[in-house]
C-alpha atoms as a PDB file:
ATOM      1  CA  UNK A   1       8.625   1.082  15.682  1.00  0.00           C
ATOM      2  CA  UNK A   2       8.039   4.823  15.964  1.00  0.00           C
ATOM      3  CA  UNK A   3       5.372   5.881  18.469  1.00  0.00           C
ATOM      4  CA  UNK A   4       2.580   8.426  18.237  1.00  0.00           C
ATOM      5  CA  UNK A   5       3.994  11.922  17.625  1.00  0.00           C
ATOM      6  CA  UNK A   6       2.948  14.842  19.748  1.00  0.00           C
ATOM      7  CA  UNK A   7       1.513  16.712  16.754  1.00  0.00           C
ATOM      8  CA  UNK A   8      -1.191  14.092  16.122  1.00  0.00           C
ATOM      9  CA  UNK A   9      -4.506  15.557  15.049  1.00  0.00           C
ATOM     10  CA  UNK A  10      -6.585  13.275  17.261  1.00  0.00           C
ATOM     11  CA  UNK A  11      -9.655  14.777  18.943  1.00  0.00           C
ATOM     12  CA  UNK A  12      -7.952  14.647  22.325  1.00  0.00           C
ATOM     13  CA  UNK A  13      -4.852  16.415  21.029  1.00  0.00           C
ATOM     14  CA  UNK A  14      -6.467  19.282  19.175  1.00  0.00           C
ATOM     15  CA  UNK A  15      -9.169  19.802  21.815  1.00  0.00           C
ATOM     16  CA  UNK A  16     -12.132  20.072  19.466  1.00  0.00           C
ATOM     17  CA  UNK A  17     -15.288  21.150  21.348  1.00  0.00           C
ATOM     18  CA  UNK A  18     -18.436  19.040  21.136  1.00  0.00           C
ATOM     19  CA  UNK A  19     -21.451  21.331  21.591  1.00  0.00           C
ATOM     20  CA  UNK A  20     -24.985  20.215  20.843  1.00  0.00           C
ATOM     21  CA  UNK A  21     -25.079  22.441  17.779  1.00  0.00           C
ATOM     22  CA  UNK A  22     -22.650  25.363  17.880  1.00  0.00           C
ATOM     23  CA  UNK A  23     -20.269  26.859  20.434  1.00  0.00           C
ATOM     24  CA  UNK A  24     -18.586  30.266  20.450  1.00  0.00           C
ATOM     25  CA  UNK A  25     -14.790  30.400  20.782  1.00  0.00           C
ATOM     26  CA  UNK A  26     -14.097  34.081  21.192  1.00  0.00           C
ATOM     27  CA  UNK A  27     -15.013  35.609  17.857  1.00  0.00           C
ATOM     28  CA  UNK A  28     -15.072  32.189  16.136  1.00  0.00           C
ATOM     29  CA  UNK A  29     -18.078  29.927  15.926  1.00  0.00           C
ATOM     30  CA  UNK A  30     -17.291  26.272  15.238  1.00  0.00           C
ATOM     31  CA  UNK A  31     -20.007  23.779  14.323  1.00  0.00           C
ATOM     32  CA  UNK A  32     -19.681  20.064  14.933  1.00  0.00           C
ATOM     33  CA  UNK A  33     -19.787  19.483  11.175  1.00  0.00           C
ATOM     34  CA  UNK A  34     -16.975  21.999  10.609  1.00  0.00           C
ATOM     35  CA  UNK A  35     -14.869  20.458  13.359  1.00  0.00           C
ATOM     36  CA  UNK A  36     -15.389  16.956  12.022  1.00  0.00           C
ATOM     37  CA  UNK A  37     -14.543  18.054   8.477  1.00  0.00           C
ATOM     38  CA  UNK A  38     -11.320  19.633   9.720  1.00  0.00           C
ATOM     39  CA  UNK A  39     -10.300  16.550  11.665  1.00  0.00           C
ATOM     40  CA  UNK A  40     -10.857  14.256   8.696  1.00  0.00           C
ATOM     41  CA  UNK A  41      -9.582  16.597   5.968  1.00  0.00           C
ATOM     42  CA  UNK A  42      -6.351  14.643   5.569  1.00  0.00           C
ATOM     43  CA  UNK A  43      -8.289  11.365   5.288  1.00  0.00           C
ATOM     44  CA  UNK A  44     -10.291  12.781   2.384  1.00  0.00           C
ATOM     45  CA  UNK A  45      -7.117  14.063   0.724  1.00  0.00           C
ATOM     46  CA  UNK A  46      -5.525  10.636   1.160  1.00  0.00           C
ATOM     47  CA  UNK A  47      -8.489   8.964  -0.515  1.00  0.00           C
ATOM     48  CA  UNK A  48      -8.124  11.381  -3.416  1.00  0.00           C
ATOM     49  CA  UNK A  49      -4.410  10.650  -3.743  1.00  0.00           C
ATOM     50  CA  UNK A  50      -5.084   6.914  -3.669  1.00  0.00           C
ATOM     51  CA  UNK A  51      -7.701   7.256  -6.405  1.00  0.00           C
ATOM     52  CA  UNK A  52      -5.209   9.146  -8.585  1.00  0.00           C
ATOM     53  CA  UNK A  53      -2.548   6.499  -7.952  1.00  0.00           C
ATOM     54  CA  UNK A  54      -5.011   3.680  -8.690  1.00  0.00           C
ATOM     55  CA  UNK A  55      -6.111   5.279 -11.962  1.00  0.00           C
ATOM     56  CA  UNK A  56      -2.488   5.716 -13.072  1.00  0.00           C
ATOM     57  CA  UNK A  57      -1.403   2.254 -11.951  1.00  0.00           C
ATOM     58  CA  UNK A  58      -4.372   0.159 -13.070  1.00  0.00           C
ATOM     59  CA  UNK A  59      -5.071   2.390 -16.054  1.00  0.00           C
ATOM     60  CA  UNK A  60      -1.483   1.990 -17.189  1.00  0.00           C
ATOM     61  CA  UNK A  61      -1.789  -1.771 -16.847  1.00  0.00           C
ATOM     62  CA  UNK A  62      -4.959  -1.734 -18.953  1.00  0.00           C
ATOM     63  CA  UNK A  63      -3.275   0.338 -21.674  1.00  0.00           C
ATOM     64  CA  UNK A  64      -0.065  -1.702 -21.682  1.00  0.00           C
ATOM     65  CA  UNK A  65      -0.782  -3.989 -24.640  1.00  0.00           C
ATOM     66  CA  UNK A  66      -1.891  -1.184 -26.960  1.00  0.00           C
ATOM     67  CA  UNK A  67       0.808   1.213 -25.783  1.00  0.00           C
ATOM     68  CA  UNK A  68       3.594  -1.337 -26.254  1.00  0.00           C
ATOM     69  CA  UNK A  69       2.350  -2.069 -29.768  1.00  0.00           C
ATOM     70  CA  UNK A  70       2.713   1.623 -30.652  1.00  0.00           C
ATOM     71  CA  UNK A  71       5.841   2.792 -28.832  1.00  0.00           C
ATOM     72  CA  UNK A  72       7.519  -0.431 -27.676  1.00  0.00           C
ATOM     73  CA  UNK A  73       7.771  -2.185 -24.321  1.00  0.00           C
ATOM     74  CA  UNK A  74      10.797  -0.263 -23.024  1.00  0.00           C
ATOM     75  CA  UNK A  75       9.405   3.163 -23.933  1.00  0.00           C
ATOM     76  CA  UNK A  76       6.052   2.369 -22.338  1.00  0.00           C
ATOM     77  CA  UNK A  77       7.747   1.140 -19.164  1.00  0.00           C
ATOM     78  CA  UNK A  78       9.591   4.458 -18.907  1.00  0.00           C
ATOM     79  CA  UNK A  79       6.397   6.457 -19.505  1.00  0.00           C
ATOM     80  CA  UNK A  80       4.522   4.372 -16.964  1.00  0.00           C
ATOM     81  CA  UNK A  81       7.311   4.714 -14.391  1.00  0.00           C
ATOM     82  CA  UNK A  82       7.469   8.477 -14.938  1.00  0.00           C
ATOM     83  CA  UNK A  83       3.806   8.698 -13.951  1.00  0.00           C
ATOM     84  CA  UNK A  84       3.388   5.981 -11.335  1.00  0.00           C
ATOM     85  CA  UNK A  85       6.559   6.506  -9.287  1.00  0.00           C
ATOM     86  CA  UNK A  86       5.943  10.217  -8.493  1.00  0.00           C
ATOM     87  CA  UNK A  87       2.321   9.457  -7.586  1.00  0.00           C
ATOM     88  CA  UNK A  88       3.483   6.675  -5.256  1.00  0.00           C
ATOM     89  CA  UNK A  89       6.078   8.962  -3.648  1.00  0.00           C
ATOM     90  CA  UNK A  90       3.417  11.600  -2.949  1.00  0.00           C
ATOM     91  CA  UNK A  91       1.091   9.001  -1.415  1.00  0.00           C
ATOM     92  CA  UNK A  92       3.862   7.648   0.826  1.00  0.00           C
ATOM     93  CA  UNK A  93       5.049  11.106   1.882  1.00  0.00           C
ATOM     94  CA  UNK A  94       1.522  12.278   2.687  1.00  0.00           C
ATOM     95  CA  UNK A  95       0.870   9.099   4.648  1.00  0.00           C
ATOM     96  CA  UNK A  96       4.028   9.509   6.725  1.00  0.00           C
ATOM     97  CA  UNK A  97       3.154  13.126   7.500  1.00  0.00           C
ATOM     98  CA  UNK A  98      -0.457  12.438   8.525  1.00  0.00           C
ATOM     99  CA  UNK A  99      -0.515   8.848   9.790  1.00  0.00           C
ATOM    100  CA  UNK A 100      -1.809   9.818  13.262  1.00  0.00           C
ATOM    101  CA  UNK A 101      -4.433  12.284  12.012  1.00  0.00           C
ATOM    102  CA  UNK A 102      -8.112  12.028  12.832  1.00  0.00           C
ATOM    103  CA  UNK A 103      -9.403  10.081  15.814  1.00  0.00           C
ATOM    104  CA  UNK A 104      -7.139   7.746  17.795  1.00  0.00           C
ATOM    105  CA  UNK A 105      -9.388   4.685  17.916  1.00  0.00           C
ATOM    106  CA  UNK A 106      -7.000   2.455  19.866  1.00  0.00           C
ATOM    107  CA  UNK A 107      -3.476   2.508  21.252  1.00  0.00           C
ATOM    108  CA  UNK A 108      -1.806  -0.890  21.546  1.00  0.00           C
ATOM    109  CA  UNK A 109       1.766   0.374  21.371  1.00  0.00           C
ATOM    110  CA  UNK A 110       2.452  -0.511  25.004  1.00  0.00           C
ATOM    111  CA  UNK A 111       1.168  -4.085  24.777  1.00  0.00           C
ATOM    112  CA  UNK A 112       3.994  -6.589  25.487  1.00  0.00           C
ATOM    113  CA  UNK A 113       5.213  -8.309  22.343  1.00  0.00           C
ATOM    114  CA  UNK A 114       3.470  -5.858  20.026  1.00  0.00           C
ATOM    115  CA  UNK A 115       6.658  -4.465  18.450  1.00  0.00           C
ATOM    116  CA  UNK A 116       8.187  -7.821  17.392  1.00  0.00           C
ATOM    117  CA  UNK A 117       4.764  -9.044  16.236  1.00  0.00           C
ATOM    118  CA  UNK A 118       4.314  -5.998  14.009  1.00  0.00           C
ATOM    119  CA  UNK A 119       7.778  -6.435  12.528  1.00  0.00           C
ATOM    120  CA  UNK A 120       7.272 -10.154  11.838  1.00  0.00           C
ATOM    121  CA  UNK A 121       3.973  -9.542  10.023  1.00  0.00           C
ATOM    122  CA  UNK A 122       5.506  -6.611   8.139  1.00  0.00           C
ATOM    123  CA  UNK A 123       8.499  -8.702   7.050  1.00  0.00           C
ATOM    124  CA  UNK A 124       6.165 -11.441   5.804  1.00  0.00           C
ATOM    125  CA  UNK A 125       4.111  -8.838   3.947  1.00  0.00           C
ATOM    126  CA  UNK A 126       7.226  -7.688   2.089  1.00  0.00           C
ATOM    127  CA  UNK A 127       7.883 -11.234   0.875  1.00  0.00           C
ATOM    128  CA  UNK A 128       4.449 -11.136  -0.758  1.00  0.00           C
ATOM    129  CA  UNK A 129       4.527  -7.483  -1.827  1.00  0.00           C
ATOM    130  CA  UNK A 130       7.631  -7.514  -3.973  1.00  0.00           C
ATOM    131  CA  UNK A 131       7.720 -10.553  -6.284  1.00  0.00           C
ATOM    132  CA  UNK A 132       8.356  -8.078  -9.119  1.00  0.00           C
ATOM    133  CA  UNK A 133      11.896  -7.706  -7.777  1.00  0.00           C
ATOM    134  CA  UNK A 134      12.598 -11.164  -9.190  1.00  0.00           C
ATOM    135  CA  UNK A 135      13.143  -9.440 -12.550  1.00  0.00           C
ATOM    136  CA  UNK A 136      15.027  -6.374 -11.394  1.00  0.00           C
ATOM    137  CA  UNK A 137      16.457  -5.407 -14.775  1.00  0.00           C
ATOM    138  CA  UNK A 138      12.972  -5.156 -16.278  1.00  0.00           C
ATOM    139  CA  UNK A 139      11.909  -2.480 -13.806  1.00  0.00           C
ATOM    140  CA  UNK A 140      14.136   0.264 -15.335  1.00  0.00           C
ATOM    141  CA  UNK A 141      13.652  -1.342 -18.797  1.00  0.00           C
ATOM    142  CA  UNK A 142      17.290  -2.463 -19.049  1.00  0.00           C
ATOM    143  CA  UNK A 143      15.788  -5.746 -20.209  1.00  0.00           C
ATOM    144  CA  UNK A 144      12.639  -5.750 -22.305  1.00  0.00           C
ATOM    145  CA  UNK A 145       9.641  -5.858 -19.927  1.00  0.00           C
ATOM    146  CA  UNK A 146       7.416  -8.878 -20.480  1.00  0.00           C
ATOM    147  CA  UNK A 147       4.098 -10.167 -19.196  1.00  0.00           C
ATOM    148  CA  UNK A 148       4.508 -13.711 -17.893  1.00  0.00           C
ATOM    149  CA  UNK A 149       2.426 -16.427 -16.307  1.00  0.00           C
ATOM    150  CA  UNK A 150       4.110 -17.553 -13.097  1.00  0.00           C
ATOM    151  CA  UNK A 151       3.069 -20.915 -11.674  1.00  0.00           C
ATOM    152  CA  UNK A 152       5.810 -21.633  -9.144  1.00  0.00           C
ATOM    153  CA  UNK A 153       7.243 -20.198  -5.956  1.00  0.00           C
ATOM    154  CA  UNK A 154       4.998 -17.844  -4.026  1.00  0.00           C
ATOM    155  CA  UNK A 155       2.298 -18.178  -6.714  1.00  0.00           C
ATOM    156  CA  UNK A 156       1.626 -21.647  -5.295  1.00  0.00           C
ATOM    157  CA  UNK A 157       0.549 -19.902  -2.082  1.00  0.00           C
ATOM    158  CA  UNK A 158      -1.466 -17.115  -3.728  1.00  0.00           C
ATOM    159  CA  UNK A 159      -1.975 -16.135  -7.348  1.00  0.00           C
ATOM    160  CA  UNK A 160      -1.973 -12.476  -6.274  1.00  0.00           C
ATOM    161  CA  UNK A 161       0.829 -12.169  -3.704  1.00  0.00           C
ATOM    162  CA  UNK A 162       0.944  -8.375  -3.845  1.00  0.00           C
ATOM    163  CA  UNK A 163      -2.674  -8.121  -2.692  1.00  0.00           C
ATOM    164  CA  UNK A 164      -1.923 -10.516   0.168  1.00  0.00           C
ATOM    165  CA  UNK A 165       1.168  -8.532   1.119  1.00  0.00           C
ATOM    166  CA  UNK A 166      -0.726  -5.245   1.079  1.00  0.00           C
ATOM    167  CA  UNK A 167      -3.453  -6.630   3.340  1.00  0.00           C
ATOM    168  CA  UNK A 168      -0.857  -7.970   5.795  1.00  0.00           C
ATOM    169  CA  UNK A 169       0.966  -4.624   5.785  1.00  0.00           C
ATOM    170  CA  UNK A 170      -2.289  -2.777   6.430  1.00  0.00           C
ATOM    171  CA  UNK A 171      -3.221  -5.119   9.281  1.00  0.00           C
ATOM    172  CA  UNK A 172       0.104  -4.700  11.068  1.00  0.00           C
ATOM    173  CA  UNK A 173       0.307  -0.937  10.669  1.00  0.00           C
ATOM    174  CA  UNK A 174      -3.354  -0.366  11.537  1.00  0.00           C
ATOM    175  CA  UNK A 175      -2.799  -2.280  14.786  1.00  0.00           C
ATOM    176  CA  UNK A 176       0.232  -0.149  15.598  1.00  0.00           C
ATOM    177  CA  UNK A 177      -1.092   3.291  14.622  1.00  0.00           C
ATOM    178  CA  UNK A 178      -4.806   2.933  15.408  1.00  0.00           C
ATOM    179  CA  UNK A 179      -5.950   6.239  13.901  1.00  0.00           C
ATOM    180  CA  UNK A 180      -9.002   6.886  11.743  1.00  0.00           C
ATOM    181  CA  UNK A 181      -6.661   8.225   9.039  1.00  0.00           C
ATOM    182  CA  UNK A 182      -4.820   4.898   9.042  1.00  0.00           C
ATOM    183  CA  UNK A 183      -8.064   2.945   8.694  1.00  0.00           C
ATOM    184  CA  UNK A 184      -9.163   5.117   5.766  1.00  0.00           C
ATOM    185  CA  UNK A 185      -5.755   4.628   4.133  1.00  0.00           C
ATOM    186  CA  UNK A 186      -5.958   0.863   4.616  1.00  0.00           C
ATOM    187  CA  UNK A 187      -9.482   0.757   3.194  1.00  0.00           C
ATOM    188  CA  UNK A 188      -8.313   2.608   0.083  1.00  0.00           C
ATOM    189  CA  UNK A 189      -5.218   0.457  -0.406  1.00  0.00           C
ATOM    190  CA  UNK A 190      -7.076  -2.813   0.085  1.00  0.00           C
ATOM    191  CA  UNK A 191      -9.919  -1.725  -2.208  1.00  0.00           C
ATOM    192  CA  UNK A 192      -7.414  -0.925  -4.959  1.00  0.00           C
ATOM    193  CA  UNK A 193      -5.657  -4.272  -4.588  1.00  0.00           C
ATOM    194  CA  UNK A 194      -8.939  -6.194  -4.602  1.00  0.00           C
ATOM    195  CA  UNK A 195      -9.822  -4.415  -7.829  1.00  0.00           C
ATOM    196  CA  UNK A 196      -6.356  -5.286  -9.139  1.00  0.00           C
ATOM    197  CA  UNK A 197      -7.030  -8.972  -8.421  1.00  0.00           C
ATOM    198  CA  UNK A 198     -10.085  -8.909 -10.679  1.00  0.00           C
ATOM    199  CA  UNK A 199      -8.449  -6.632 -13.237  1.00  0.00           C
ATOM    200  CA  UNK A 200      -5.242  -8.658 -13.325  1.00  0.00           C
ATOM    201  CA  UNK A 201      -7.053 -11.943 -13.883  1.00  0.00           C
ATOM    202  CA  UNK A 202      -9.115 -10.342 -16.629  1.00  0.00           C
ATOM    203  CA  UNK A 203      -6.017  -9.061 -18.445  1.00  0.00           C
ATOM    204  CA  UNK A 204      -4.159 -12.364 -18.136  1.00  0.00           C
ATOM    205  CA  UNK A 205      -7.194 -14.256 -19.415  1.00  0.00           C
ATOM    206  CA  UNK A 206      -7.372 -11.969 -22.452  1.00  0.00           C
ATOM    207  CA  UNK A 207      -3.646 -12.352 -23.120  1.00  0.00           C
ATOM    208  CA  UNK A 208      -3.017 -16.043 -22.420  1.00  0.00           C
ATOM    209  CA  UNK A 209      -6.434 -17.679 -22.805  1.00  0.00           C
ATOM    210  CA  UNK A 210      -6.461 -21.389 -21.920  1.00  0.00           C
ATOM    211  CA  UNK A 211      -3.007 -21.228 -20.333  1.00  0.00           C
ATOM    212  CA  UNK A 212      -4.378 -18.806 -17.749  1.00  0.00           C
ATOM    213  CA  UNK A 213      -7.477 -20.965 -17.250  1.00  0.00           C
ATOM    214  CA  UNK A 214      -5.176 -23.842 -16.287  1.00  0.00           C
ATOM    215  CA  UNK A 215      -3.196 -21.619 -13.910  1.00  0.00           C
ATOM    216  CA  UNK A 216      -6.385 -20.273 -12.351  1.00  0.00           C
ATOM    217  CA  UNK A 217      -7.681 -23.806 -11.782  1.00  0.00           C
ATOM    218  CA  UNK A 218      -4.477 -24.818  -9.994  1.00  0.00           C
ATOM    219  CA  UNK A 219      -4.007 -21.718  -7.827  1.00  0.00           C
ATOM    220  CA  UNK A 220      -5.998 -19.528  -5.459  1.00  0.00           C
ATOM    221  CA  UNK A 221      -6.229 -15.893  -4.446  1.00  0.00           C
ATOM    222  CA  UNK A 222      -6.711 -16.752  -0.764  1.00  0.00           C
ATOM    223  CA  UNK A 223      -3.328 -17.853   0.652  1.00  0.00           C
ATOM    224  CA  UNK A 224      -2.844 -21.636   0.887  1.00  0.00           C
ATOM    225  CA  UNK A 225      -6.425 -22.379  -0.246  1.00  0.00           C
ATOM    226  CA  UNK A 226      -5.254 -24.330  -3.312  1.00  0.00           C
ATOM    227  CA  UNK A 227      -2.690 -26.184  -1.185  1.00  0.00           C
ATOM    228  CA  UNK A 228      -5.273 -27.143   1.431  1.00  0.00           C
ATOM    229  CA  UNK A 229      -7.810 -28.459  -1.076  1.00  0.00           C
ATOM    230  CA  UNK A 230      -5.160 -30.445  -2.971  1.00  0.00           C
ATOM    231  CA  UNK A 231      -4.936 -28.430  -6.180  1.00  0.00           C
ATOM    232  CA  UNK A 232      -1.411 -27.272  -5.406  1.00  0.00           C
ATOM    233  CA  UNK A 233       1.727 -28.489  -3.645  1.00  0.00           C
ATOM    234  CA  UNK A 234       4.357 -26.363  -1.930  1.00  0.00           C
ATOM    235  CA  UNK A 235       7.927 -26.720  -3.136  1.00  0.00           C
ATOM    236  CA  UNK A 236      10.035 -25.050  -0.461  1.00  0.00           C
ATOM    237  CA  UNK A 237      13.132 -24.856  -2.654  1.00  0.00           C
ATOM    238  CA  UNK A 238      11.222 -22.534  -5.021  1.00  0.00           C
ATOM    239  CA  UNK A 239      10.716 -20.034  -2.208  1.00  0.00           C
ATOM    240  CA  UNK A 240      14.461 -19.466  -1.782  1.00  0.00           C
ATOM    241  CA  UNK A 241      15.608 -16.964  -4.385  1.00  0.00           C
ATOM    242  CA  UNK A 242      18.469 -14.432  -4.471  1.00  0.00           C
ATOM    243  CA  UNK A 243      16.031 -11.525  -4.743  1.00  0.00           C
ATOM    244  CA  UNK A 244      14.670 -12.385  -1.309  1.00  0.00           C
ATOM    245  CA  UNK A 245      18.030 -11.439   0.170  1.00  0.00           C
ATOM    246  CA  UNK A 246      17.387  -7.969  -1.209  1.00  0.00           C
ATOM    247  CA  UNK A 247      13.954  -7.975   0.414  1.00  0.00           C
ATOM    248  CA  UNK A 248      15.499  -8.981   3.752  1.00  0.00           C
ATOM    249  CA  UNK A 249      18.020  -6.150   3.438  1.00  0.00           C
ATOM    250  CA  UNK A 250      15.191  -3.745   2.574  1.00  0.00           C
ATOM    251  CA  UNK A 251      13.289  -4.756   5.721  1.00  0.00           C
ATOM    252  CA  UNK A 252      16.421  -4.054   7.770  1.00  0.00           C
ATOM    253  CA  UNK A 253      16.900  -0.674   6.102  1.00  0.00           C
ATOM    254  CA  UNK A 254      13.257   0.270   6.717  1.00  0.00           C
ATOM    255  CA  UNK A 255      13.591  -0.736  10.368  1.00  0.00           C
ATOM    256  CA  UNK A 256      16.659   1.474  10.711  1.00  0.00           C
ATOM    257  CA  UNK A 257      15.015   4.345   8.808  1.00  0.00           C
ATOM    258  CA  UNK A 258      11.889   4.458  11.005  1.00  0.00           C
ATOM    259  CA  UNK A 259      13.678   6.831  13.373  1.00  0.00           C
ATOM    260  CA  UNK A 260      13.681   9.432  10.591  1.00  0.00           C
ATOM    261  CA  UNK A 261       9.948   9.211   9.812  1.00  0.00           C
ATOM    262  CA  UNK A 262       8.958  12.167  12.060  1.00  0.00           C
ATOM    263  CA  UNK A 263      11.646  14.337  10.463  1.00  0.00           C
ATOM    264  CA  UNK A 264      10.578  13.317   6.959  1.00  0.00           C
ATOM    265  CA  UNK A 265       6.931  13.910   7.782  1.00  0.00           C
ATOM    266  CA  UNK A 266       7.642  17.415   9.043  1.00  0.00           C
ATOM    267  CA  UNK A 267       9.725  18.171   5.954  1.00  0.00           C
ATOM    268  CA  UNK A 268       6.792  17.193   3.723  1.00  0.00           C
ATOM    269  CA  UNK A 269       4.321  19.224   5.797  1.00  0.00           C
ATOM    270  CA  UNK A 270       6.451  22.336   5.272  1.00  0.00           C
ATOM    271  CA  UNK A 271       7.000  21.715   1.561  1.00  0.00           C
ATOM    272  CA  UNK A 272       4.975  23.553  -1.066  1.00  0.00           C
ATOM    273  CA  UNK A 273       3.068  20.411  -1.983  1.00  0.00           C
ATOM    274  CA  UNK A 274       2.368  19.616   1.662  1.00  0.00           C
ATOM    275  CA  UNK A 275       1.030  23.111   2.283  1.00  0.00           C
ATOM    276  CA  UNK A 276      -1.082  22.933  -0.877  1.00  0.00           C
ATOM    277  CA  UNK A 277      -2.692  19.635   0.137  1.00  0.00           C
ATOM    278  CA  UNK A 278      -3.354  20.933   3.652  1.00  0.00           C
END
């Protein structure tokens, strides 16, 4: 895992003064409110970027049925991808550039066993986050994208695996980074995925009716809840799929690529978009 960079915007790093009301710094006068606003500027920007991404992503999902009826499933997938992918790239790039901003609330990076623990939880989160990769050819619309009801595999553990994966990812990375910016980012991501749980169930109910009611009765949002109370049974053979090899490779690639995060973050900070957002 990469450690805290030297250009973190934590209070200790930037040396922000804490006067009772106002303190003169040469010809500049900095109020506590101004200092706090500056420290948390990137957190507010991140919230804004997450709202834009959520509107595009969840709004696109809400419009899917009507849009596909007018322009076709493949065309709508391309339109949706053209909007959602750039917004996701901006969110990720901004996060990488500012992940240690704000106040450093804790630093557990030197705790023995922390690094392997973070990687194990992160790897598990990826298994939940990317069930969509099971239909790879639908992502670029090579095959006609379809809405399906899944009742096997990881759905037996949780009906909304992506929400579970996002929460696990946020937990592991919040423990490692420990900044106020990271906590704000996690709050935004988790809030969006909790909304997506409700929104997704609502859309599936409208589309599939009684078939979704049956699925909902036999599954749970909370991991393993339906298994524990006897509504569901795990079938381990269903959890072994070729796409999971790709996920395992992706985890390895991300582990290798972490060494380039500081360089990528600096590149974004010095880009036109990075300067505009700052």
